[in-house]
Amino acid sequence: MKANPPKDIQGGFILLEVLVSMSLIVGGWMAMIHIYQGLALRQTQLQVKKSELRKESDVFENSEHARNLRNISSGAVKNESTRVSSRTRSVHGASQPAIKNQR
């Protein structure tokens, strides 16, 4: 004879299984949000650093250009090649991103 299981036992999830699965899902989402925020912060810091370096480069190139113009106008031209801006794009404002649709 087969033993019949009691009729009050039903198939399904118990509360502990539901709580464990929910905590795993929430933990995964929290980890992904943490990683995303870290990447966003790093991207912002890199953009600020790039903007500062671009400003410094512009100031240096403008001062070199002005110095070369003074040397040419005073007749004290040396055997130096004139410095040409290494940047082929226009100078952007420091507060404006180079790409308009950047998030």
PDB file of N, CA and C in Angstrom:
ATOM      1  N   MET A   1       0.808  -1.180   0.000  1.00  0.00           N
ATOM      2  CA  MET A   1       0.000   0.000   0.000  1.00  0.00           C
ATOM      3  C   MET A   1       0.856   1.250   0.000  1.00  0.00           C
ATOM      4  N   LYS A   2       0.317   2.218  -0.710  1.00  0.00           N
ATOM      5  CA  LYS A   2       1.008   3.492  -0.746  1.00  0.00           C
ATOM      6  C   LYS A   2       0.522   4.368   0.399  1.00  0.00           C
ATOM      7  N   ALA A   3       1.485   5.103   0.940  1.00  0.00           N
ATOM      8  CA  ALA A   3       1.106   6.036   1.987  1.00  0.00           C
ATOM      9  C   ALA A   3       0.682   7.339   1.349  1.00  0.00           C
ATOM     10  N   ASN A   4      -0.497   7.780   1.618  1.00  0.00           N
ATOM     11  CA  ASN A   4      -0.993   9.048   1.084  1.00  0.00           C
ATOM     12  C   ASN A   4      -0.519  10.195   1.966  1.00  0.00           C
ATOM     13  N   PRO A   5      -0.022  11.269   1.316  1.00  0.00           N
ATOM     14  CA  PRO A   5       0.396  12.416   2.146  1.00  0.00           C
ATOM     15  C   PRO A   5      -0.837  13.085   2.753  1.00  0.00           C
ATOM     16  N   PRO A   6      -0.655  13.727   3.868  1.00  0.00           N
ATOM     17  CA  PRO A   6      -1.792  14.411   4.492  1.00  0.00           C
ATOM     18  C   PRO A   6      -2.378  15.462   3.550  1.00  0.00           C
ATOM     19  N   LYS A   7      -3.651  15.679   3.614  1.00  0.00           N
ATOM     20  CA  LYS A   7      -4.321  16.576   2.689  1.00  0.00           C
ATOM     21  C   LYS A   7      -4.080  18.055   2.996  1.00  0.00           C
ATOM     22  N   ASP A   8      -3.598  18.386   4.175  1.00  0.00           N
ATOM     23  CA  ASP A   8      -3.395  19.790   4.507  1.00  0.00           C
ATOM     24  C   ASP A   8      -2.058  20.342   3.985  1.00  0.00           C
ATOM     25  N   ILE A   9      -1.173  19.495   3.457  1.00  0.00           N
ATOM     26  CA  ILE A   9       0.092  19.947   2.884  1.00  0.00           C
ATOM     27  C   ILE A   9      -0.167  20.293   1.420  1.00  0.00           C
ATOM     28  N   GLN A  10       0.142  21.544   1.068  1.00  0.00           N
ATOM     29  CA  GLN A  10      -0.064  21.994  -0.303  1.00  0.00           C
ATOM     30  C   GLN A  10       1.276  22.325  -0.923  1.00  0.00           C
ATOM     31  N   GLY A  11       1.362  22.162  -2.254  1.00  0.00           N
ATOM     32  CA  GLY A  11       2.590  22.539  -2.937  1.00  0.00           C
ATOM     33  C   GLY A  11       2.663  24.057  -3.072  1.00  0.00           C
ATOM     34  N   GLY A  12       3.857  24.613  -3.002  1.00  0.00           N
ATOM     35  CA  GLY A  12       4.024  26.056  -3.137  1.00  0.00           C
ATOM     36  C   GLY A  12       5.289  26.499  -2.422  1.00  0.00           C
ATOM     37  N   PHE A  13       5.441  27.785  -2.342  1.00  0.00           N
ATOM     38  CA  PHE A  13       6.620  28.346  -1.691  1.00  0.00           C
ATOM     39  C   PHE A  13       6.307  28.653  -0.236  1.00  0.00           C
ATOM     40  N   ILE A  14       7.313  28.461   0.579  1.00  0.00           N
ATOM     41  CA  ILE A  14       7.133  28.870   1.964  1.00  0.00           C
ATOM     42  C   ILE A  14       7.676  30.286   2.110  1.00  0.00           C
ATOM     43  N   LEU A  15       7.302  30.914   3.188  1.00  0.00           N
ATOM     44  CA  LEU A  15       7.667  32.315   3.397  1.00  0.00           C
ATOM     45  C   LEU A  15       9.178  32.503   3.389  1.00  0.00           C
ATOM     46  N   LEU A  16       9.920  31.590   3.954  1.00  0.00           N
ATOM     47  CA  LEU A  16      11.375  31.711   3.998  1.00  0.00           C
ATOM     48  C   LEU A  16      11.974  31.719   2.591  1.00  0.00           C
ATOM     49  N   GLU A  17      11.478  30.861   1.710  1.00  0.00           N
ATOM     50  CA  GLU A  17      11.980  30.837   0.327  1.00  0.00           C
ATOM     51  C   GLU A  17      11.700  32.159  -0.387  1.00  0.00           C
ATOM     52  N   VAL A  18      10.515  32.704  -0.186  1.00  0.00           N
ATOM     53  CA  VAL A  18      10.148  33.977  -0.809  1.00  0.00           C
ATOM     54  C   VAL A  18      11.045  35.097  -0.291  1.00  0.00           C
ATOM     55  N   LEU A  19      11.276  35.124   1.010  1.00  0.00           N
ATOM     56  CA  LEU A  19      12.124  36.176   1.588  1.00  0.00           C
ATOM     57  C   LEU A  19      13.564  36.072   1.089  1.00  0.00           C
ATOM     58  N   VAL A  20      14.092  34.861   1.004  1.00  0.00           N
ATOM     59  CA  VAL A  20      15.461  34.674   0.515  1.00  0.00           C
ATOM     60  C   VAL A  20      15.573  35.107  -0.939  1.00  0.00           C
ATOM     61  N   SER A  21      14.617  34.717  -1.771  1.00  0.00           N
ATOM     62  CA  SER A  21      14.686  35.097  -3.182  1.00  0.00           C
ATOM     63  C   SER A  21      14.534  36.614  -3.360  1.00  0.00           C
ATOM     64  N   MET A  22      13.661  37.227  -2.579  1.00  0.00           N
ATOM     65  CA  MET A  22      13.505  38.681  -2.672  1.00  0.00           C
ATOM     66  C   MET A  22      14.774  39.403  -2.224  1.00  0.00           C
ATOM     67  N   SER A  23      15.404  38.904  -1.179  1.00  0.00           N
ATOM     68  CA  SER A  23      16.633  39.555  -0.707  1.00  0.00           C
ATOM     69  C   SER A  23      17.763  39.394  -1.730  1.00  0.00           C
ATOM     70  N   LEU A  24      17.820  38.272  -2.415  1.00  0.00           N
ATOM     71  CA  LEU A  24      18.830  38.096  -3.464  1.00  0.00           C
ATOM     72  C   LEU A  24      18.586  39.063  -4.625  1.00  0.00           C
ATOM     73  N   ILE A  25      17.344  39.220  -5.017  1.00  0.00           N
ATOM     74  CA  ILE A  25      17.025  40.137  -6.106  1.00  0.00           C
ATOM     75  C   ILE A  25      17.346  41.577  -5.712  1.00  0.00           C
ATOM     76  N   VAL A  26      16.932  41.979  -4.526  1.00  0.00           N
ATOM     77  CA  VAL A  26      17.203  43.348  -4.067  1.00  0.00           C
ATOM     78  C   VAL A  26      18.709  43.570  -3.911  1.00  0.00           C
ATOM     79  N   GLY A  27      19.410  42.583  -3.403  1.00  0.00           N
ATOM     80  CA  GLY A  27      20.864  42.706  -3.271  1.00  0.00           C
ATOM     81  C   GLY A  27      21.546  42.870  -4.617  1.00  0.00           C
ATOM     82  N   GLY A  28      21.087  42.127  -5.612  1.00  0.00           N
ATOM     83  CA  GLY A  28      21.645  42.264  -6.963  1.00  0.00           C
ATOM     84  C   GLY A  28      21.388  43.638  -7.540  1.00  0.00           C
ATOM     85  N   TRP A  29      20.174  44.130  -7.373  1.00  0.00           N
ATOM     86  CA  TRP A  29      19.857  45.474  -7.875  1.00  0.00           C
ATOM     87  C   TRP A  29      20.698  46.532  -7.166  1.00  0.00           C
ATOM     88  N   MET A  30      20.856  46.422  -5.872  1.00  0.00           N
ATOM     89  CA  MET A  30      21.651  47.405  -5.120  1.00  0.00           C
ATOM     90  C   MET A  30      23.107  47.383  -5.577  1.00  0.00           C
ATOM     91  N   ALA A  31      23.640  46.205  -5.830  1.00  0.00           N
ATOM     92  CA  ALA A  31      25.019  46.107  -6.307  1.00  0.00           C
ATOM     93  C   ALA A  31      25.164  46.757  -7.678  1.00  0.00           C
ATOM     94  N   MET A  32      24.199  46.542  -8.564  1.00  0.00           N
ATOM     95  CA  MET A  32      24.273  47.163  -9.892  1.00  0.00           C
ATOM     96  C   MET A  32      24.161  48.681  -9.805  1.00  0.00           C
ATOM     97  N   ILE A  33      23.304  49.181  -8.925  1.00  0.00           N
ATOM     98  CA  ILE A  33      23.172  50.629  -8.755  1.00  0.00           C
ATOM     99  C   ILE A  33      24.461  51.207  -8.200  1.00  0.00           C
ATOM    100  N   HIS A  34      25.073  50.522  -7.257  1.00  0.00           N
ATOM    101  CA  HIS A  34      26.343  50.990  -6.691  1.00  0.00           C
ATOM    102  C   HIS A  34      27.432  51.057  -7.757  1.00  0.00           C
ATOM    103  N   ILE A  35      27.513  50.048  -8.590  1.00  0.00           N
ATOM    104  CA  ILE A  35      28.514  50.029  -9.665  1.00  0.00           C
ATOM    105  C   ILE A  35      28.246  51.165 -10.650  1.00  0.00           C
ATOM    106  N   TYR A  36      26.985  51.371 -11.015  1.00  0.00           N
ATOM    107  CA  TYR A  36      26.632  52.436 -11.955  1.00  0.00           C
ATOM    108  C   TYR A  36      26.990  53.807 -11.389  1.00  0.00           C
ATOM    109  N   GLN A  37      26.697  54.032 -10.118  1.00  0.00           N
ATOM    110  CA  GLN A  37      27.022  55.320  -9.509  1.00  0.00           C
ATOM    111  C   GLN A  37      28.526  55.547  -9.466  1.00  0.00           C
ATOM    112  N   GLY A  38      29.284  54.508  -9.190  1.00  0.00           N
ATOM    113  CA  GLY A  38      30.743  54.639  -9.187  1.00  0.00           C
ATOM    114  C   GLY A  38      31.275  54.986 -10.566  1.00  0.00           C
ATOM    115  N   LEU A  39      30.731  54.342 -11.597  1.00  0.00           N
ATOM    116  CA  LEU A  39      31.165  54.649 -12.965  1.00  0.00           C
ATOM    117  C   LEU A  39      30.768  56.064 -13.371  1.00  0.00           C
ATOM    118  N   ALA A  40      29.579  56.494 -12.982  1.00  0.00           N
ATOM    119  CA  ALA A  40      29.134  57.849 -13.309  1.00  0.00           C
ATOM    120  C   ALA A  40      30.012  58.887 -12.619  1.00  0.00           C
ATOM    121  N   LEU A  41      30.369  58.646 -11.363  1.00  0.00           N
ATOM    122  CA  LEU A  41      31.245  59.565 -10.635  1.00  0.00           C
ATOM    123  C   LEU A  41      32.617  59.631 -11.291  1.00  0.00           C
ATOM    124  N   ARG A  42      33.152  58.484 -11.665  1.00  0.00           N
ATOM    125  CA  ARG A  42      34.470  58.463 -12.308  1.00  0.00           C
ATOM    126  C   ARG A  42      34.435  59.181 -13.656  1.00  0.00           C
ATOM    127  N   GLN A  43      33.370  58.985 -14.425  1.00  0.00           N
ATOM    128  CA  GLN A  43      33.234  59.656 -15.716  1.00  0.00           C
ATOM    129  C   GLN A  43      33.185  61.169 -15.529  1.00  0.00           C
ATOM    130  N   THR A  44      32.461  61.636 -14.519  1.00  0.00           N
ATOM    131  CA  THR A  44      32.382  63.070 -14.244  1.00  0.00           C
ATOM    132  C   THR A  44      33.745  63.615 -13.858  1.00  0.00           C
ATOM    133  N   GLN A  45      34.462  62.900 -13.020  1.00  0.00           N
ATOM    134  CA  GLN A  45      35.797  63.349 -12.616  1.00  0.00           C
ATOM    135  C   GLN A  45      36.742  63.403 -13.808  1.00  0.00           C
ATOM    136  N   LEU A  46      36.661  62.425 -14.708  1.00  0.00           N
ATOM    137  CA  LEU A  46      37.514  62.434 -15.890  1.00  0.00           C
ATOM    138  C   LEU A  46      37.172  63.590 -16.821  1.00  0.00           C
ATOM    139  N   GLN A  47      35.887  63.922 -16.948  1.00  0.00           N
ATOM    140  CA  GLN A  47      35.496  65.048 -17.790  1.00  0.00           C
ATOM    141  C   GLN A  47      36.010  66.362 -17.223  1.00  0.00           C
ATOM    142  N   VAL A  48      35.951  66.516 -15.903  1.00  0.00           N
ATOM    143  CA  VAL A  48      36.464  67.729 -15.271  1.00  0.00           C
ATOM    144  C   VAL A  48      37.965  67.828 -15.479  1.00  0.00           C
ATOM    145  N   LYS A  49      38.675  66.731 -15.297  1.00  0.00           N
ATOM    146  CA  LYS A  49      40.130  66.726 -15.481  1.00  0.00           C
ATOM    147  C   LYS A  49      40.489  67.038 -16.928  1.00  0.00           C
ATOM    148  N   LYS A  50      39.749  66.466 -17.873  1.00  0.00           N
ATOM    149  CA  LYS A  50      40.008  66.717 -19.287  1.00  0.00           C
ATOM    150  C   LYS A  50      39.782  68.188 -19.618  1.00  0.00           C
ATOM    151  N   SER A  51      38.743  68.769 -19.047  1.00  0.00           N
ATOM    152  CA  SER A  51      38.451  70.184 -19.273  1.00  0.00           C
ATOM    153  C   SER A  51      39.575  71.064 -18.713  1.00  0.00           C
ATOM    154  N   GLU A  52      40.076  70.730 -17.526  1.00  0.00           N
ATOM    155  CA  GLU A  52      41.175  71.494 -16.934  1.00  0.00           C
ATOM    156  C   GLU A  52      42.444  71.380 -17.785  1.00  0.00           C
ATOM    157  N   LEU A  53      42.745  70.183 -18.251  1.00  0.00           N
ATOM    158  CA  LEU A  53      43.925  69.999 -19.099  1.00  0.00           C
ATOM    159  C   LEU A  53      43.783  70.763 -20.408  1.00  0.00           C
ATOM    160  N   ARG A  54      42.569  70.781 -20.972  1.00  0.00           N
ATOM    161  CA  ARG A  54      42.326  71.520 -22.204  1.00  0.00           C
ATOM    162  C   ARG A  54      42.534  73.015 -21.982  1.00  0.00           C
ATOM    163  N   LYS A  55      42.063  73.527 -20.829  1.00  0.00           N
ATOM    164  CA  LYS A  55      42.262  74.949 -20.506  1.00  0.00           C
ATOM    165  C   LYS A  55      43.751  75.271 -20.398  1.00  0.00           C
ATOM    166  N   GLU A  56      44.484  74.425 -19.674  1.00  0.00           N
ATOM    167  CA  GLU A  56      45.916  74.657 -19.505  1.00  0.00           C
ATOM    168  C   GLU A  56      46.637  74.629 -20.847  1.00  0.00           C
ATOM    169  N   SER A  57      46.265  73.698 -21.694  1.00  0.00           N
ATOM    170  CA  SER A  57      46.877  73.607 -23.015  1.00  0.00           C
ATOM    171  C   SER A  57      46.563  74.846 -23.845  1.00  0.00           C
ATOM    172  N   ASP A  58      45.335  75.333 -23.770  1.00  0.00           N
ATOM    173  CA  ASP A  58      44.967  76.536 -24.512  1.00  0.00           C
ATOM    174  C   ASP A  58      45.748  77.751 -24.033  1.00  0.00           C
ATOM    175  N   VAL A  59      45.877  77.888 -22.725  1.00  0.00           N
ATOM    176  CA  VAL A  59      46.626  79.023 -22.174  1.00  0.00           C
ATOM    177  C   VAL A  59      48.077  78.957 -22.637  1.00  0.00           C
ATOM    178  N   PHE A  60      48.680  77.781 -22.568  1.00  0.00           N
ATOM    179  CA  PHE A  60      50.076  77.635 -22.987  1.00  0.00           C
ATOM    180  C   PHE A  60      50.240  77.950 -24.474  1.00  0.00           C
ATOM    181  N   GLU A  61      49.349  77.400 -25.313  1.00  0.00           N
ATOM    182  CA  GLU A  61      49.470  77.637 -26.751  1.00  0.00           C
ATOM    183  C   GLU A  61      49.222  79.095 -27.102  1.00  0.00           C
ATOM    184  N   ASN A  62      48.285  79.737 -26.409  1.00  0.00           N
ATOM    185  CA  ASN A  62      48.049  81.158 -26.660  1.00  0.00           C
ATOM    186  C   ASN A  62      49.243  82.002 -26.234  1.00  0.00           C
ATOM    187  N   SER A  63      49.873  81.665 -25.115  1.00  0.00           N
ATOM    188  CA  SER A  63      51.047  82.424 -24.676  1.00  0.00           C
ATOM    189  C   SER A  63      52.215  82.211 -25.634  1.00  0.00           C
ATOM    190  N   GLU A  64      52.382  80.992 -26.129  1.00  0.00           N
ATOM    191  CA  GLU A  64      53.449  80.743 -27.106  1.00  0.00           C
ATOM    192  C   GLU A  64      53.185  81.492 -28.410  1.00  0.00           C
ATOM    193  N   HIS A  65      51.940  81.532 -28.831  1.00  0.00           N
ATOM    194  CA  HIS A  65      51.594  82.248 -30.051  1.00  0.00           C
ATOM    195  C   HIS A  65      51.861  83.749 -29.879  1.00  0.00           C
ATOM    196  N   ALA A  66      51.480  84.297 -28.716  1.00  0.00           N
ATOM    197  CA  ALA A  66      51.721  85.718 -28.449  1.00  0.00           C
ATOM    198  C   ALA A  66      53.217  86.002 -28.376  1.00  0.00           C
ATOM    199  N   ARG A  67      53.971  85.095 -27.780  1.00  0.00           N
ATOM    200  CA  ARG A  67      55.424  85.296 -27.689  1.00  0.00           C
ATOM    201  C   ARG A  67      56.052  85.293 -29.075  1.00  0.00           C
ATOM    202  N   ASN A  68      55.596  84.385 -29.931  1.00  0.00           N
ATOM    203  CA  ASN A  68      56.127  84.340 -31.287  1.00  0.00           C
ATOM    204  C   ASN A  68      55.761  85.590 -32.068  1.00  0.00           C
ATOM    205  N   LEU A  69      54.557  86.107 -31.865  1.00  0.00           N
ATOM    206  CA  LEU A  69      54.165  87.347 -32.538  1.00  0.00           C
ATOM    207  C   LEU A  69      55.009  88.524 -32.070  1.00  0.00           C
ATOM    208  N   ARG A  70      55.320  88.582 -30.764  1.00  0.00           N
ATOM    209  CA  ARG A  70      56.181  89.658 -30.245  1.00  0.00           C
ATOM    210  C   ARG A  70      57.578  89.553 -30.847  1.00  0.00           C
ATOM    211  N   ASN A  71      58.092  88.337 -30.955  1.00  0.00           N
ATOM    212  CA  ASN A  71      59.427  88.151 -31.527  1.00  0.00           C
ATOM    213  C   ASN A  71      59.450  88.548 -32.998  1.00  0.00           C
ATOM    214  N   ILE A  72      58.402  88.214 -33.713  1.00  0.00           N
ATOM    215  CA  ILE A  72      58.352  88.559 -35.134  1.00  0.00           C
ATOM    216  C   ILE A  72      58.244  90.066 -35.308  1.00  0.00           C
ATOM    217  N   SER A  73      57.396  90.724 -34.504  1.00  0.00           N
ATOM    218  CA  SER A  73      57.208  92.169 -34.650  1.00  0.00           C
ATOM    219  C   SER A  73      58.437  92.948 -34.206  1.00  0.00           C
ATOM    220  N   SER A  74      59.209  92.419 -33.264  1.00  0.00           N
ATOM    221  CA  SER A  74      60.408  93.127 -32.814  1.00  0.00           C
ATOM    222  C   SER A  74      61.618  92.808 -33.690  1.00  0.00           C
ATOM    223  N   GLY A  75      61.483  91.891 -34.593  1.00  0.00           N
ATOM    224  CA  GLY A  75      62.597  91.549 -35.482  1.00  0.00           C
ATOM    225  C   GLY A  75      63.569  90.571 -34.861  1.00  0.00           C
ATOM    226  N   ALA A  76      63.282  90.060 -33.717  1.00  0.00           N
ATOM    227  CA  ALA A  76      64.175  89.125 -33.039  1.00  0.00           C
ATOM    228  C   ALA A  76      63.736  87.693 -33.335  1.00  0.00           C
ATOM    229  N   VAL A  77      63.643  87.393 -34.591  1.00  0.00           N
ATOM    230  CA  VAL A  77      63.206  86.056 -34.975  1.00  0.00           C
ATOM    231  C   VAL A  77      64.377  85.103 -34.843  1.00  0.00           C
ATOM    232  N   LYS A  78      64.147  84.054 -34.132  1.00  0.00           N
ATOM    233  CA  LYS A  78      65.184  83.041 -33.953  1.00  0.00           C
ATOM    234  C   LYS A  78      64.956  81.928 -34.956  1.00  0.00           C
ATOM    235  N   ASN A  79      65.796  80.978 -34.962  1.00  0.00           N
ATOM    236  CA  ASN A  79      65.638  79.826 -35.844  1.00  0.00           C
ATOM    237  C   ASN A  79      64.746  78.782 -35.198  1.00  0.00           C
ATOM    238  N   GLU A  80      63.581  79.228 -34.805  1.00  0.00           N
ATOM    239  CA  GLU A  80      62.618  78.324 -34.209  1.00  0.00           C
ATOM    240  C   GLU A  80      61.433  78.199 -35.146  1.00  0.00           C
ATOM    241  N   SER A  81      60.893  77.032 -35.192  1.00  0.00           N
ATOM    242  CA  SER A  81      59.683  76.884 -35.980  1.00  0.00           C
ATOM    243  C   SER A  81      58.528  77.473 -35.187  1.00  0.00           C
ATOM    244  N   THR A  82      57.603  78.065 -35.875  1.00  0.00           N
ATOM    245  CA  THR A  82      56.466  78.630 -35.169  1.00  0.00           C
ATOM    246  C   THR A  82      55.601  77.501 -34.670  1.00  0.00           C
ATOM    247  N   ARG A  83      55.085  77.691 -33.486  1.00  0.00           N
ATOM    248  CA  ARG A  83      54.240  76.654 -32.901  1.00  0.00           C
ATOM    249  C   ARG A  83      52.861  76.736 -33.515  1.00  0.00           C
ATOM    250  N   VAL A  84      52.386  75.597 -33.925  1.00  0.00           N
ATOM    251  CA  VAL A  84      51.044  75.492 -34.463  1.00  0.00           C
ATOM    252  C   VAL A  84      50.228  74.710 -33.451  1.00  0.00           C
ATOM    253  N   SER A  85      49.018  75.145 -33.266  1.00  0.00           N
ATOM    254  CA  SER A  85      48.158  74.464 -32.315  1.00  0.00           C
ATOM    255  C   SER A  85      48.013  72.999 -32.700  1.00  0.00           C
ATOM    256  N   SER A  86      48.198  72.141 -31.721  1.00  0.00           N
ATOM    257  CA  SER A  86      48.077  70.710 -31.985  1.00  0.00           C
ATOM    258  C   SER A  86      46.617  70.297 -32.085  1.00  0.00           C
ATOM    259  N   ARG A  87      45.721  71.187 -31.687  1.00  0.00           N
ATOM    260  CA  ARG A  87      44.307  70.873 -31.720  1.00  0.00           C
ATOM    261  C   ARG A  87      43.718  71.336 -33.044  1.00  0.00           C
ATOM    262  N   THR A  88      43.039  70.462 -33.713  1.00  0.00           N
ATOM    263  CA  THR A  88      42.436  70.805 -34.999  1.00  0.00           C
ATOM    264  C   THR A  88      40.988  71.227 -34.842  1.00  0.00           C
ATOM    265  N   ARG A  89      40.460  71.145 -33.636  1.00  0.00           N
ATOM    266  CA  ARG A  89      39.072  71.536 -33.417  1.00  0.00           C
ATOM    267  C   ARG A  89      39.030  72.924 -32.784  1.00  0.00           C
ATOM    268  N   SER A  90      37.870  73.506 -32.780  1.00  0.00           N
ATOM    269  CA  SER A  90      37.739  74.831 -32.188  1.00  0.00           C
ATOM    270  C   SER A  90      37.801  74.725 -30.673  1.00  0.00           C
ATOM    271  N   VAL A  91      38.094  75.831 -30.033  1.00  0.00           N
ATOM    272  CA  VAL A  91      38.212  75.864 -28.584  1.00  0.00           C
ATOM    273  C   VAL A  91      36.806  75.944 -28.005  1.00  0.00           C
ATOM    274  N   HIS A  92      36.468  74.981 -27.136  1.00  0.00           N
ATOM    275  CA  HIS A  92      35.161  74.956 -26.491  1.00  0.00           C
ATOM    276  C   HIS A  92      35.262  75.631 -25.141  1.00  0.00           C
ATOM    277  N   GLY A  93      34.148  76.155 -24.694  1.00  0.00           N
ATOM    278  CA  GLY A  93      34.100  76.695 -23.346  1.00  0.00           C
ATOM    279  C   GLY A  93      34.269  75.578 -22.341  1.00  0.00           C
ATOM    280  N   ALA A  94      34.813  75.898 -21.195  1.00  0.00           N
ATOM    281  CA  ALA A  94      35.075  74.869 -20.193  1.00  0.00           C
ATOM    282  C   ALA A  94      33.781  74.333 -19.597  1.00  0.00           C
ATOM    283  N   SER A  95      32.733  75.140 -19.612  1.00  0.00           N
ATOM    284  CA  SER A  95      31.485  74.683 -19.011  1.00  0.00           C
ATOM    285  C   SER A  95      30.633  73.892 -19.995  1.00  0.00           C
ATOM    286  N   GLN A  96      30.971  73.921 -21.275  1.00  0.00           N
ATOM    287  CA  GLN A  96      30.175  73.223 -22.276  1.00  0.00           C
ATOM    288  C   GLN A  96      30.874  71.916 -22.666  1.00  0.00           C
ATOM    289  N   PRO A  97      30.137  70.820 -22.711  1.00  0.00           N
ATOM    290  CA  PRO A  97      30.763  69.576 -23.170  1.00  0.00           C
ATOM    291  C   PRO A  97      31.014  69.645 -24.677  1.00  0.00           C
ATOM    292  N   ALA A  98      32.001  68.883 -25.125  1.00  0.00           N
ATOM    293  CA  ALA A  98      32.329  68.857 -26.541  1.00  0.00           C
ATOM    294  C   ALA A  98      31.214  68.210 -27.336  1.00  0.00           C
ATOM    295  N   ILE A  99      30.506  67.261 -26.745  1.00  0.00           N
ATOM    296  CA  ILE A  99      29.399  66.584 -27.405  1.00  0.00           C
ATOM    297  C   ILE A  99      28.107  67.149 -26.829  1.00  0.00           C
ATOM    298  N   LYS A 100      27.208  67.598 -27.685  1.00  0.00           N
ATOM    299  CA  LYS A 100      26.001  68.273 -27.205  1.00  0.00           C
ATOM    300  C   LYS A 100      25.039  67.329 -26.503  1.00  0.00           C
ATOM    301  N   ASN A 101      24.859  66.132 -26.996  1.00  0.00           N
ATOM    302  CA  ASN A 101      23.873  65.208 -26.454  1.00  0.00           C
ATOM    303  C   ASN A 101      24.470  64.296 -25.395  1.00  0.00           C
ATOM    304  N   GLN A 102      25.413  64.786 -24.654  1.00  0.00           N
ATOM    305  CA  GLN A 102      26.088  63.962 -23.640  1.00  0.00           C
ATOM    306  C   GLN A 102      25.261  63.984 -22.363  1.00  0.00           C
ATOM    307  N   ARG A 103      25.149  62.858 -21.690  1.00  0.00           N
ATOM    308  CA  ARG A 103      24.380  62.786 -20.447  1.00  0.00           C
ATOM    309  C   ARG A 103      25.273  62.923 -19.272  1.00  0.00           C
TER     310      ARG A 103
END
